[in-house]
Structures are given as structure tokens and as C-alpha cells.
Amino acid sequence: MSGSDLVTGTLDVVILCTLADGPLHGYAIGRAIKQSSSDVLSVGEGVLYPALHRLERKKFLAAQWGLTPTGREAKFYRVTKKGKKELTTMAAQWTSRSRAVLRILSTETEQ
């Protein structure tokens, strides 16, 4: 599933969850999403960076320039207090909705 297939709210919760353990730069965020989803989700730069900027404008993320392990300068994103609160809310909503969809799918496969 590509980034363009991800609904905005889903992408937001995935990004916030990915950054919950600590700051990462954009490329590393995309790589972490791909790895943690066992290569099911792939978020391209054209989708990822606008989402990061949107979350930054909403004050769910804060960013700071720093050096990558390879010595390249990059913008590192971290979840703010407001972002952690939003992640809790979004994760609960997403979990509830995904369980509902799974119930519907299991009903369909039983017929």
C-alpha cells in the first residue's frame, strides 16, 4: 500500500506512533514505517513531507535541524505534548474503527 492510498488520518496516526519512541528525520520516518509494517506501507516523500509539515503546523510535532548518522544535515521531528495527547485519541479511534471493519469482514467471509 502506497502513501497515496493512506487516508490522511491514518497517515497522521502512523507518523505520530512512529515518532513516539524519539525523534527521527524524514527519510528515517519513511523507512521506519516501511520496516514496522513489514513492507506493506510505503510512504513516498511527496506524501510524507506535506504530512509532517501539517502535523508541525497543528503543533503535534516540533522540528529541529541536526546531523544524521552519516553527517548530513536534516530536520528531525519529535512528538510534542499536544501530539502525544492527540496520538492517544487517534489510536483509540483507529483501533475502534479497525475492529469494526474486521467484524464486518469476518461476517462477509462466513457467508
PDB file of N, CA and C in Angstrom:
ATOM      1  N   MET A   1       0.860  -1.175   0.000  1.00  0.00           N
ATOM      2  CA  MET A   1       0.000   0.000   0.000  1.00  0.00           C
ATOM      3  C   MET A   1       0.896   1.224   0.000  1.00  0.00           C
ATOM      4  N   SER A   2       0.653   2.103  -0.918  1.00  0.00           N
ATOM      5  CA  SER A   2       1.494   3.294  -1.025  1.00  0.00           C
ATOM      6  C   SER A   2       0.939   4.417  -0.159  1.00  0.00           C
ATOM      7  N   GLY A   3       1.763   5.435   0.050  1.00  0.00           N
ATOM      8  CA  GLY A   3       1.362   6.585   0.853  1.00  0.00           C
ATOM      9  C   GLY A   3       0.123   7.264   0.317  1.00  0.00           C
ATOM     10  N   SER A   4      -0.031   7.294  -1.001  1.00  0.00           N
ATOM     11  CA  SER A   4      -1.196   7.958  -1.567  1.00  0.00           C
ATOM     12  C   SER A   4      -2.473   7.184  -1.283  1.00  0.00           C
ATOM     13  N   ASP A   5      -2.350   5.900  -0.926  1.00  0.00           N
ATOM     14  CA  ASP A   5      -3.514   5.100  -0.579  1.00  0.00           C
ATOM     15  C   ASP A   5      -3.911   5.270   0.882  1.00  0.00           C
ATOM     16  N   LEU A   6      -3.032   5.849   1.668  1.00  0.00           N
ATOM     17  CA  LEU A   6      -3.324   6.026   3.089  1.00  0.00           C
ATOM     18  C   LEU A   6      -4.239   7.228   3.288  1.00  0.00           C
ATOM     19  N   VAL A   7      -5.272   7.033   4.059  1.00  0.00           N
ATOM     20  CA  VAL A   7      -6.139   8.147   4.406  1.00  0.00           C
ATOM     21  C   VAL A   7      -5.354   9.069   5.327  1.00  0.00           C
ATOM     22  N   THR A   8      -5.581  10.375   5.195  1.00  0.00           N
ATOM     23  CA  THR A   8      -4.811  11.360   5.958  1.00  0.00           C
ATOM     24  C   THR A   8      -4.770  11.038   7.447  1.00  0.00           C
ATOM     25  N   GLY A   9      -5.891  10.748   8.051  1.00  0.00           N
ATOM     26  CA  GLY A   9      -5.926  10.452   9.489  1.00  0.00           C
ATOM     27  C   GLY A   9      -5.102   9.242   9.841  1.00  0.00           C
ATOM     28  N   THR A  10      -5.113   8.252   8.962  1.00  0.00           N
ATOM     29  CA  THR A  10      -4.318   7.052   9.191  1.00  0.00           C
ATOM     30  C   THR A  10      -2.839   7.377   9.100  1.00  0.00           C
ATOM     31  N   LEU A  11      -2.459   8.138   8.109  1.00  0.00           N
ATOM     32  CA  LEU A  11      -1.066   8.527   7.959  1.00  0.00           C
ATOM     33  C   LEU A  11      -0.603   9.325   9.176  1.00  0.00           C
ATOM     34  N   ASP A  12      -1.445  10.224   9.658  1.00  0.00           N
ATOM     35  CA  ASP A  12      -1.088  11.028  10.830  1.00  0.00           C
ATOM     36  C   ASP A  12      -0.814  10.147  12.052  1.00  0.00           C
ATOM     37  N   VAL A  13      -1.688   9.194  12.306  1.00  0.00           N
ATOM     38  CA  VAL A  13      -1.503   8.331  13.474  1.00  0.00           C
ATOM     39  C   VAL A  13      -0.272   7.443  13.294  1.00  0.00           C
ATOM     40  N   VAL A  14      -0.006   7.000  12.075  1.00  0.00           N
ATOM     41  CA  VAL A  14       1.181   6.184  11.807  1.00  0.00           C
ATOM     42  C   VAL A  14       2.451   7.002  12.050  1.00  0.00           C
ATOM     43  N   ILE A  15       2.469   8.235  11.591  1.00  0.00           N
ATOM     44  CA  ILE A  15       3.635   9.099  11.803  1.00  0.00           C
ATOM     45  C   ILE A  15       3.833   9.378  13.289  1.00  0.00           C
ATOM     46  N   LEU A  16       2.776   9.767  13.975  1.00  0.00           N
ATOM     47  CA  LEU A  16       2.892  10.069  15.411  1.00  0.00           C
ATOM     48  C   LEU A  16       3.366   8.843  16.187  1.00  0.00           C
ATOM     49  N   CYS A  17       2.827   7.694  15.840  1.00  0.00           N
ATOM     50  CA  CYS A  17       3.216   6.458  16.516  1.00  0.00           C
ATOM     51  C   CYS A  17       4.683   6.129  16.231  1.00  0.00           C
ATOM     52  N   THR A  18       5.107   6.331  15.008  1.00  0.00           N
ATOM     53  CA  THR A  18       6.493   6.068  14.619  1.00  0.00           C
ATOM     54  C   THR A  18       7.457   6.958  15.399  1.00  0.00           C
ATOM     55  N   LEU A  19       7.036   8.184  15.676  1.00  0.00           N
ATOM     56  CA  LEU A  19       7.901   9.129  16.394  1.00  0.00           C
ATOM     57  C   LEU A  19       7.746   9.063  17.908  1.00  0.00           C
ATOM     58  N   ALA A  20       6.853   8.215  18.397  1.00  0.00           N
ATOM     59  CA  ALA A  20       6.603   8.133  19.840  1.00  0.00           C
ATOM     60  C   ALA A  20       7.849   7.710  20.620  1.00  0.00           C
ATOM     61  N   ASP A  21       8.727   6.946  19.992  1.00  0.00           N
ATOM     62  CA  ASP A  21       9.935   6.475  20.682  1.00  0.00           C
ATOM     63  C   ASP A  21      11.096   7.452  20.622  1.00  0.00           C
ATOM     64  N   GLY A  22      10.944   8.524  19.843  1.00  0.00           N
ATOM     65  CA  GLY A  22      12.015   9.502  19.771  1.00  0.00           C
ATOM     66  C   GLY A  22      12.108  10.150  18.405  1.00  0.00           C
ATOM     67  N   PRO A  23      12.868  11.228  18.314  1.00  0.00           N
ATOM     68  CA  PRO A  23      12.964  11.996  17.074  1.00  0.00           C
ATOM     69  C   PRO A  23      13.635  11.225  15.935  1.00  0.00           C
ATOM     70  N   LEU A  24      13.149  11.501  14.737  1.00  0.00           N
ATOM     71  CA  LEU A  24      13.728  10.948  13.514  1.00  0.00           C
ATOM     72  C   LEU A  24      13.650  12.004  12.424  1.00  0.00           C
ATOM     73  N   HIS A  25      14.519  11.901  11.429  1.00  0.00           N
ATOM     74  CA  HIS A  25      14.413  12.786  10.268  1.00  0.00           C
ATOM     75  C   HIS A  25      13.487  12.127   9.252  1.00  0.00           C
ATOM     76  N   GLY A  26      13.046  12.893   8.263  1.00  0.00           N
ATOM     77  CA  GLY A  26      12.032  12.446   7.317  1.00  0.00           C
ATOM     78  C   GLY A  26      12.324  11.117   6.660  1.00  0.00           C
ATOM     79  N   TYR A  27      13.509  10.959   6.096  1.00  0.00           N
ATOM     80  CA  TYR A  27      13.853   9.708   5.420  1.00  0.00           C
ATOM     81  C   TYR A  27      13.755   8.528   6.388  1.00  0.00           C
ATOM     82  N   ALA A  28      14.241   8.714   7.607  1.00  0.00           N
ATOM     83  CA  ALA A  28      14.209   7.645   8.618  1.00  0.00           C
ATOM     84  C   ALA A  28      12.773   7.324   9.029  1.00  0.00           C
ATOM     85  N   ILE A  29      11.892   8.325   9.034  1.00  0.00           N
ATOM     86  CA  ILE A  29      10.489   8.087   9.362  1.00  0.00           C
ATOM     87  C   ILE A  29       9.872   7.170   8.300  1.00  0.00           C
ATOM     88  N   GLY A  30      10.090   7.509   7.037  1.00  0.00           N
ATOM     89  CA  GLY A  30       9.569   6.686   5.952  1.00  0.00           C
ATOM     90  C   GLY A  30      10.088   5.260   6.019  1.00  0.00           C
ATOM     91  N   ARG A  31      11.377   5.120   6.281  1.00  0.00           N
ATOM     92  CA  ARG A  31      11.998   3.797   6.387  1.00  0.00           C
ATOM     93  C   ARG A  31      11.427   3.019   7.581  1.00  0.00           C
ATOM     94  N   ALA A  32      11.231   3.705   8.719  1.00  0.00           N
ATOM     95  CA  ALA A  32      10.693   3.044   9.912  1.00  0.00           C
ATOM     96  C   ALA A  32       9.260   2.564   9.681  1.00  0.00           C
ATOM     97  N   ILE A  33       8.461   3.370   8.989  1.00  0.00           N
ATOM     98  CA  ILE A  33       7.080   2.969   8.686  1.00  0.00           C
ATOM     99  C   ILE A  33       7.095   1.711   7.815  1.00  0.00           C
ATOM    100  N   LYS A  34       7.939   1.711   6.813  1.00  0.00           N
ATOM    101  CA  LYS A  34       8.024   0.559   5.915  1.00  0.00           C
ATOM    102  C   LYS A  34       8.478  -0.691   6.673  1.00  0.00           C
ATOM    103  N   GLN A  35       9.492  -0.550   7.501  1.00  0.00           N
ATOM    104  CA  GLN A  35      10.012  -1.695   8.259  1.00  0.00           C
ATOM    105  C   GLN A  35       9.007  -2.202   9.280  1.00  0.00           C
ATOM    106  N   SER A  36       8.390  -1.295  10.037  1.00  0.00           N
ATOM    107  CA  SER A  36       7.475  -1.734  11.091  1.00  0.00           C
ATOM    108  C   SER A  36       6.177  -2.311  10.534  1.00  0.00           C
ATOM    109  N   SER A  37       5.873  -2.013   9.261  1.00  0.00           N
ATOM    110  CA  SER A  37       4.676  -2.587   8.632  1.00  0.00           C
ATOM    111  C   SER A  37       5.031  -3.801   7.777  1.00  0.00           C
ATOM    112  N   SER A  38       6.220  -4.329   7.947  1.00  0.00           N
ATOM    113  CA  SER A  38       6.693  -5.471   7.157  1.00  0.00           C
ATOM    114  C   SER A  38       6.573  -5.204   5.660  1.00  0.00           C
ATOM    115  N   ASP A  39       6.952  -4.006   5.271  1.00  0.00           N
ATOM    116  CA  ASP A  39       6.966  -3.573   3.864  1.00  0.00           C
ATOM    117  C   ASP A  39       5.578  -3.456   3.230  1.00  0.00           C
ATOM    118  N   VAL A  40       4.532  -3.396   4.035  1.00  0.00           N
ATOM    119  CA  VAL A  40       3.177  -3.226   3.497  1.00  0.00           C
ATOM    120  C   VAL A  40       2.915  -1.754   3.195  1.00  0.00           C
ATOM    121  N   LEU A  41       3.365  -0.869   4.079  1.00  0.00           N
ATOM    122  CA  LEU A  41       3.151   0.565   3.899  1.00  0.00           C
ATOM    123  C   LEU A  41       4.435   1.214   3.413  1.00  0.00           C
ATOM    124  N   SER A  42       4.304   1.969   2.356  1.00  0.00           N
ATOM    125  CA  SER A  42       5.434   2.699   1.804  1.00  0.00           C
ATOM    126  C   SER A  42       4.971   4.140   1.591  1.00  0.00           C
ATOM    127  N   VAL A  43       5.590   5.059   2.293  1.00  0.00           N
ATOM    128  CA  VAL A  43       5.189   6.463   2.233  1.00  0.00           C
ATOM    129  C   VAL A  43       6.248   7.253   1.481  1.00  0.00           C
ATOM    130  N   GLY A  44       5.896   7.705   0.305  1.00  0.00           N
ATOM    131  CA  GLY A  44       6.826   8.480  -0.508  1.00  0.00           C
ATOM    132  C   GLY A  44       6.991   9.892   0.018  1.00  0.00           C
ATOM    133  N   GLU A  45       8.059  10.542  -0.419  1.00  0.00           N
ATOM    134  CA  GLU A  45       8.365  11.904   0.027  1.00  0.00           C
ATOM    135  C   GLU A  45       7.238  12.880  -0.286  1.00  0.00           C
ATOM    136  N   GLY A  46       6.583  12.699  -1.431  1.00  0.00           N
ATOM    137  CA  GLY A  46       5.511  13.603  -1.834  1.00  0.00           C
ATOM    138  C   GLY A  46       4.292  13.547  -0.946  1.00  0.00           C
ATOM    139  N   VAL A  47       4.178  12.493  -0.152  1.00  0.00           N
ATOM    140  CA  VAL A  47       3.079  12.346   0.803  1.00  0.00           C
ATOM    141  C   VAL A  47       3.582  12.602   2.225  1.00  0.00           C
ATOM    142  N   LEU A  48       4.775  12.100   2.533  1.00  0.00           N
ATOM    143  CA  LEU A  48       5.314  12.191   3.886  1.00  0.00           C
ATOM    144  C   LEU A  48       5.592  13.626   4.321  1.00  0.00           C
ATOM    145  N   TYR A  49       6.312  14.374   3.508  1.00  0.00           N
ATOM    146  CA  TYR A  49       6.718  15.717   3.940  1.00  0.00           C
ATOM    147  C   TYR A  49       5.536  16.673   4.107  1.00  0.00           C
ATOM    148  N   PRO A  50       4.556  16.667   3.229  1.00  0.00           N
ATOM    149  CA  PRO A  50       3.376  17.505   3.493  1.00  0.00           C
ATOM    150  C   PRO A  50       2.662  17.103   4.804  1.00  0.00           C
ATOM    151  N   ALA A  51       2.635  15.801   5.089  1.00  0.00           N
ATOM    152  CA  ALA A  51       2.012  15.341   6.338  1.00  0.00           C
ATOM    153  C   ALA A  51       2.812  15.822   7.550  1.00  0.00           C
ATOM    154  N   LEU A  52       4.136  15.741   7.472  1.00  0.00           N
ATOM    155  CA  LEU A  52       4.971  16.223   8.578  1.00  0.00           C
ATOM    156  C   LEU A  52       4.768  17.718   8.795  1.00  0.00           C
ATOM    157  N   HIS A  53       4.713  18.479   7.714  1.00  0.00           N
ATOM    158  CA  HIS A  53       4.506  19.930   7.840  1.00  0.00           C
ATOM    159  C   HIS A  53       3.117  20.239   8.403  1.00  0.00           C
ATOM    160  N   ARG A  54       2.111  19.479   7.985  1.00  0.00           N
ATOM    161  CA  ARG A  54       0.755  19.668   8.510  1.00  0.00           C
ATOM    162  C   ARG A  54       0.727  19.387  10.022  1.00  0.00           C
ATOM    163  N   LEU A  55       1.363  18.300  10.447  1.00  0.00           N
ATOM    164  CA  LEU A  55       1.398  17.954  11.871  1.00  0.00           C
ATOM    165  C   LEU A  55       2.203  18.979  12.668  1.00  0.00           C
ATOM    166  N   GLU A  56       3.212  19.547  12.054  1.00  0.00           N
ATOM    167  CA  GLU A  56       4.001  20.599  12.700  1.00  0.00           C
ATOM    168  C   GLU A  56       3.155  21.864  12.871  1.00  0.00           C
ATOM    169  N   ARG A  57       2.390  22.231  11.838  1.00  0.00           N
ATOM    170  CA  ARG A  57       1.510  23.413  11.930  1.00  0.00           C
ATOM    171  C   ARG A  57       0.447  23.246  13.020  1.00  0.00           C
ATOM    172  N   LYS A  58      -0.022  22.027  13.207  1.00  0.00           N
ATOM    173  CA  LYS A  58      -1.026  21.737  14.240  1.00  0.00           C
ATOM    174  C   LYS A  58      -0.407  21.634  15.630  1.00  0.00           C
ATOM    175  N   LYS A  59       0.912  21.762  15.697  1.00  0.00           N
ATOM    176  CA  LYS A  59       1.672  21.681  16.955  1.00  0.00           C
ATOM    177  C   LYS A  59       1.701  20.270  17.542  1.00  0.00           C
ATOM    178  N   PHE A  60       1.474  19.251  16.698  1.00  0.00           N
ATOM    179  CA  PHE A  60       1.589  17.863  17.141  1.00  0.00           C
ATOM    180  C   PHE A  60       3.036  17.388  17.039  1.00  0.00           C
ATOM    181  N   LEU A  61       3.800  18.058  16.193  1.00  0.00           N
ATOM    182  CA  LEU A  61       5.224  17.774  16.032  1.00  0.00           C
ATOM    183  C   LEU A  61       6.011  19.063  16.182  1.00  0.00           C
ATOM    184  N   ALA A  62       7.232  18.917  16.658  1.00  0.00           N
ATOM    185  CA  ALA A  62       8.196  20.019  16.658  1.00  0.00           C
ATOM    186  C   ALA A  62       9.406  19.516  15.872  1.00  0.00           C
ATOM    187  N   ALA A  63      10.112  20.429  15.258  1.00  0.00           N
ATOM    188  CA  ALA A  63      11.249  20.031  14.433  1.00  0.00           C
ATOM    189  C   ALA A  63      12.482  20.846  14.787  1.00  0.00           C
ATOM    190  N   GLN A  64      13.616  20.221  14.587  1.00  0.00           N
ATOM    191  CA  GLN A  64      14.898  20.866  14.864  1.00  0.00           C
ATOM    192  C   GLN A  64      15.928  20.289  13.902  1.00  0.00           C
ATOM    193  N   TRP A  65      16.791  21.161  13.406  1.00  0.00           N
ATOM    194  CA  TRP A  65      17.843  20.709  12.493  1.00  0.00           C
ATOM    195  C   TRP A  65      18.941  20.010  13.280  1.00  0.00           C
ATOM    196  N   GLY A  66      19.457  18.958  12.680  1.00  0.00           N
ATOM    197  CA  GLY A  66      20.546  18.215  13.297  1.00  0.00           C
ATOM    198  C   GLY A  66      21.282  17.411  12.243  1.00  0.00           C
ATOM    199  N   LEU A  67      22.240  16.624  12.684  1.00  0.00           N
ATOM    200  CA  LEU A  67      23.033  15.807  11.765  1.00  0.00           C
ATOM    201  C   LEU A  67      22.594  14.353  11.830  1.00  0.00           C
ATOM    202  N   THR A  68      22.475  13.742  10.669  1.00  0.00           N
ATOM    203  CA  THR A  68      22.172  12.315  10.589  1.00  0.00           C
ATOM    204  C   THR A  68      23.429  11.541  10.956  1.00  0.00           C
ATOM    205  N   PRO A  69      23.299  10.233  11.179  1.00  0.00           N
ATOM    206  CA  PRO A  69      24.492   9.420  11.466  1.00  0.00           C
ATOM    207  C   PRO A  69      25.545   9.480  10.350  1.00  0.00           C
ATOM    208  N   THR A  70      25.112   9.818   9.143  1.00  0.00           N
ATOM    209  CA  THR A  70      26.061   9.919   8.024  1.00  0.00           C
ATOM    210  C   THR A  70      26.647  11.320   7.896  1.00  0.00           C
ATOM    211  N   GLY A  71      26.262  12.232   8.814  1.00  0.00           N
ATOM    212  CA  GLY A  71      26.808  13.577   8.807  1.00  0.00           C
ATOM    213  C   GLY A  71      26.047  14.571   7.947  1.00  0.00           C
ATOM    214  N   ARG A  72      24.926  14.159   7.403  1.00  0.00           N
ATOM    215  CA  ARG A  72      24.107  15.044   6.578  1.00  0.00           C
ATOM    216  C   ARG A  72      23.169  15.850   7.471  1.00  0.00           C
ATOM    217  N   GLU A  73      22.985  17.126   7.143  1.00  0.00           N
ATOM    218  CA  GLU A  73      22.066  17.957   7.918  1.00  0.00           C
ATOM    219  C   GLU A  73      20.625  17.621   7.514  1.00  0.00           C
ATOM    220  N   ALA A  74      19.763  17.454   8.527  1.00  0.00           N
ATOM    221  CA  ALA A  74      18.370  17.097   8.265  1.00  0.00           C
ATOM    222  C   ALA A  74      17.487  17.647   9.377  1.00  0.00           C
ATOM    223  N   LYS A  75      16.215  17.776   9.073  1.00  0.00           N
ATOM    224  CA  LYS A  75      15.232  18.236  10.052  1.00  0.00           C
ATOM    225  C   LYS A  75      14.710  17.017  10.810  1.00  0.00           C
ATOM    226  N   PHE A  76      14.868  17.032  12.121  1.00  0.00           N
ATOM    227  CA  PHE A  76      14.413  15.940  12.979  1.00  0.00           C
ATOM    228  C   PHE A  76      13.086  16.330  13.625  1.00  0.00           C
ATOM    229  N   TYR A  77      12.143  15.420  13.570  1.00  0.00           N
ATOM    230  CA  TYR A  77      10.800  15.663  14.100  1.00  0.00           C
ATOM    231  C   TYR A  77      10.616  14.876  15.385  1.00  0.00           C
ATOM    232  N   ARG A  78       9.910  15.486  16.337  1.00  0.00           N
ATOM    233  CA  ARG A  78       9.570  14.807  17.589  1.00  0.00           C
ATOM    234  C   ARG A  78       8.119  15.131  17.937  1.00  0.00           C
ATOM    235  N   VAL A  79       7.491  14.246  18.683  1.00  0.00           N
ATOM    236  CA  VAL A  79       6.102  14.439  19.095  1.00  0.00           C
ATOM    237  C   VAL A  79       6.071  15.390  20.287  1.00  0.00           C
ATOM    238  N   THR A  80       5.181  16.377  20.238  1.00  0.00           N
ATOM    239  CA  THR A  80       5.000  17.325  21.341  1.00  0.00           C
ATOM    240  C   THR A  80       4.014  16.745  22.361  1.00  0.00           C
ATOM    241  N   LYS A  81       3.829  17.442  23.479  1.00  0.00           N
ATOM    242  CA  LYS A  81       2.822  17.026  24.463  1.00  0.00           C
ATOM    243  C   LYS A  81       1.443  16.977  23.824  1.00  0.00           C
ATOM    244  N   LYS A  82       1.139  18.010  23.056  1.00  0.00           N
ATOM    245  CA  LYS A  82      -0.142  18.060  22.352  1.00  0.00           C
ATOM    246  C   LYS A  82      -0.256  16.893  21.380  1.00  0.00           C
ATOM    247  N   GLY A  83       0.835  16.546  20.714  1.00  0.00           N
ATOM    248  CA  GLY A  83       0.856  15.426  19.783  1.00  0.00           C
ATOM    249  C   GLY A  83       0.658  14.089  20.484  1.00  0.00           C
ATOM    250  N   LYS A  84       1.235  13.935  21.678  1.00  0.00           N
ATOM    251  CA  LYS A  84       1.055  12.688  22.445  1.00  0.00           C
ATOM    252  C   LYS A  84      -0.403  12.522  22.843  1.00  0.00           C
ATOM    253  N   LYS A  85      -1.024  13.620  23.244  1.00  0.00           N
ATOM    254  CA  LYS A  85      -2.439  13.579  23.613  1.00  0.00           C
ATOM    255  C   LYS A  85      -3.285  13.212  22.384  1.00  0.00           C
ATOM    256  N   GLU A  86      -2.957  13.827  21.259  1.00  0.00           N
ATOM    257  CA  GLU A  86      -3.680  13.538  20.019  1.00  0.00           C
ATOM    258  C   GLU A  86      -3.457  12.096  19.579  1.00  0.00           C
ATOM    259  N   LEU A  87      -2.249  11.588  19.734  1.00  0.00           N
ATOM    260  CA  LEU A  87      -1.957  10.204  19.377  1.00  0.00           C
ATOM    261  C   LEU A  87      -2.820   9.248  20.189  1.00  0.00           C
ATOM    262  N   THR A  88      -2.968   9.495  21.468  1.00  0.00           N
ATOM    263  CA  THR A  88      -3.806   8.646  22.317  1.00  0.00           C
ATOM    264  C   THR A  88      -5.240   8.621  21.805  1.00  0.00           C
ATOM    265  N   THR A  89      -5.758   9.801  21.479  1.00  0.00           N
ATOM    266  CA  THR A  89      -7.126   9.901  20.960  1.00  0.00           C
ATOM    267  C   THR A  89      -7.255   9.215  19.613  1.00  0.00           C
ATOM    268  N   MET A  90      -6.337   9.507  18.708  1.00  0.00           N
ATOM    269  CA  MET A  90      -6.383   8.935  17.361  1.00  0.00           C
ATOM    270  C   MET A  90      -6.216   7.424  17.386  1.00  0.00           C
ATOM    271  N   ALA A  91      -5.330   6.923  18.216  1.00  0.00           N
ATOM    272  CA  ALA A  91      -5.098   5.480  18.290  1.00  0.00           C
ATOM    273  C   ALA A  91      -6.350   4.756  18.797  1.00  0.00           C
ATOM    274  N   ALA A  92      -7.009   5.332  19.785  1.00  0.00           N
ATOM    275  CA  ALA A  92      -8.241   4.722  20.296  1.00  0.00           C
ATOM    276  C   ALA A  92      -9.324   4.704  19.219  1.00  0.00           C
ATOM    277  N   GLN A  93      -9.475   5.808  18.504  1.00  0.00           N
ATOM    278  CA  GLN A  93     -10.469   5.870  17.430  1.00  0.00           C
ATOM    279  C   GLN A  93     -10.135   4.882  16.317  1.00  0.00           C
ATOM    280  N   TRP A  94      -8.873   4.837  15.930  1.00  0.00           N
ATOM    281  CA  TRP A  94      -8.453   3.955  14.848  1.00  0.00           C
ATOM    282  C   TRP A  94      -8.656   2.500  15.236  1.00  0.00           C
ATOM    283  N   THR A  95      -8.313   2.153  16.470  1.00  0.00           N
ATOM    284  CA  THR A  95      -8.481   0.783  16.950  1.00  0.00           C
ATOM    285  C   THR A  95      -9.954   0.385  16.925  1.00  0.00           C
ATOM    286  N   SER A  96     -10.799   1.275  17.390  1.00  0.00           N
ATOM    287  CA  SER A  96     -12.235   1.006  17.396  1.00  0.00           C
ATOM    288  C   SER A  96     -12.761   0.801  15.979  1.00  0.00           C
ATOM    289  N   ARG A  97     -12.378   1.679  15.075  1.00  0.00           N
ATOM    290  CA  ARG A  97     -12.840   1.576  13.687  1.00  0.00           C
ATOM    291  C   ARG A  97     -12.294   0.333  12.995  1.00  0.00           C
ATOM    292  N   SER A  98     -11.030   0.018  13.236  1.00  0.00           N
ATOM    293  CA  SER A  98     -10.451  -1.153  12.573  1.00  0.00           C
ATOM    294  C   SER A  98     -11.101  -2.436  13.087  1.00  0.00           C
ATOM    295  N   ARG A  99     -11.434  -2.487  14.367  1.00  0.00           N
ATOM    296  CA  ARG A  99     -12.147  -3.658  14.908  1.00  0.00           C
ATOM    297  C   ARG A  99     -13.520  -3.794  14.261  1.00  0.00           C
ATOM    298  N   ALA A 100     -14.180  -2.655  14.043  1.00  0.00           N
ATOM    299  CA  ALA A 100     -15.496  -2.690  13.402  1.00  0.00           C
ATOM    300  C   ALA A 100     -15.375  -3.212  11.968  1.00  0.00           C
ATOM    301  N   VAL A 101     -14.380  -2.763  11.246  1.00  0.00           N
ATOM    302  CA  VAL A 101     -14.181  -3.233   9.869  1.00  0.00           C
ATOM    303  C   VAL A 101     -13.850  -4.722   9.869  1.00  0.00           C
ATOM    304  N   LEU A 102     -13.008  -5.166  10.799  1.00  0.00           N
ATOM    305  CA  LEU A 102     -12.676  -6.591  10.884  1.00  0.00           C
ATOM    306  C   LEU A 102     -13.911  -7.436  11.186  1.00  0.00           C
ATOM    307  N   ARG A 103     -14.800  -6.922  12.036  1.00  0.00           N
ATOM    308  CA  ARG A 103     -16.056  -7.645  12.309  1.00  0.00           C
ATOM    309  C   ARG A 103     -16.874  -7.773  11.034  1.00  0.00           C
ATOM    310  N   ILE A 104     -16.951  -6.688  10.273  1.00  0.00           N
ATOM    311  CA  ILE A 104     -17.703  -6.718   9.017  1.00  0.00           C
ATOM    312  C   ILE A 104     -17.060  -7.703   8.045  1.00  0.00           C
ATOM    313  N   LEU A 105     -15.748  -7.670   7.926  1.00  0.00           N
ATOM    314  CA  LEU A 105     -15.053  -8.587   7.026  1.00  0.00           C
ATOM    315  C   LEU A 105     -15.248 -10.040   7.436  1.00  0.00           C
ATOM    316  N   SER A 106     -15.199 -10.313   8.719  1.00  0.00           N
ATOM    317  CA  SER A 106     -15.355 -11.696   9.167  1.00  0.00           C
ATOM    318  C   SER A 106     -16.792 -12.168   8.927  1.00  0.00           C
ATOM    319  N   THR A 107     -17.760 -11.282   9.014  1.00  0.00           N
ATOM    320  CA  THR A 107     -19.148 -11.622   8.716  1.00  0.00           C
ATOM    321  C   THR A 107     -19.290 -11.956   7.238  1.00  0.00           C
ATOM    322  N   GLU A 108     -18.643 -11.187   6.385  1.00  0.00           N
ATOM    323  CA  GLU A 108     -18.690 -11.418   4.936  1.00  0.00           C
ATOM    324  C   GLU A 108     -18.067 -12.766   4.564  1.00  0.00           C
ATOM    325  N   THR A 109     -16.962 -13.104   5.207  1.00  0.00           N
ATOM    326  CA  THR A 109     -16.281 -14.368   4.854  1.00  0.00           C
ATOM    327  C   THR A 109     -17.029 -15.580   5.380  1.00  0.00           C
ATOM    328  N   GLU A 110     -17.889 -15.393   6.372  1.00  0.00           N
ATOM    329  CA  GLU A 110     -18.664 -16.503   6.922  1.00  0.00           C
ATOM    330  C   GLU A 110     -19.862 -16.854   6.054  1.00  0.00           C
ATOM    331  N   GLN A 111     -20.267 -15.958   5.177  1.00  0.00           N
ATOM    332  CA  GLN A 111     -21.462 -16.195   4.360  1.00  0.00           C
ATOM    333  C   GLN A 111     -21.184 -17.069   3.180  1.00  0.00           C
TER     334      GLN A 111
END
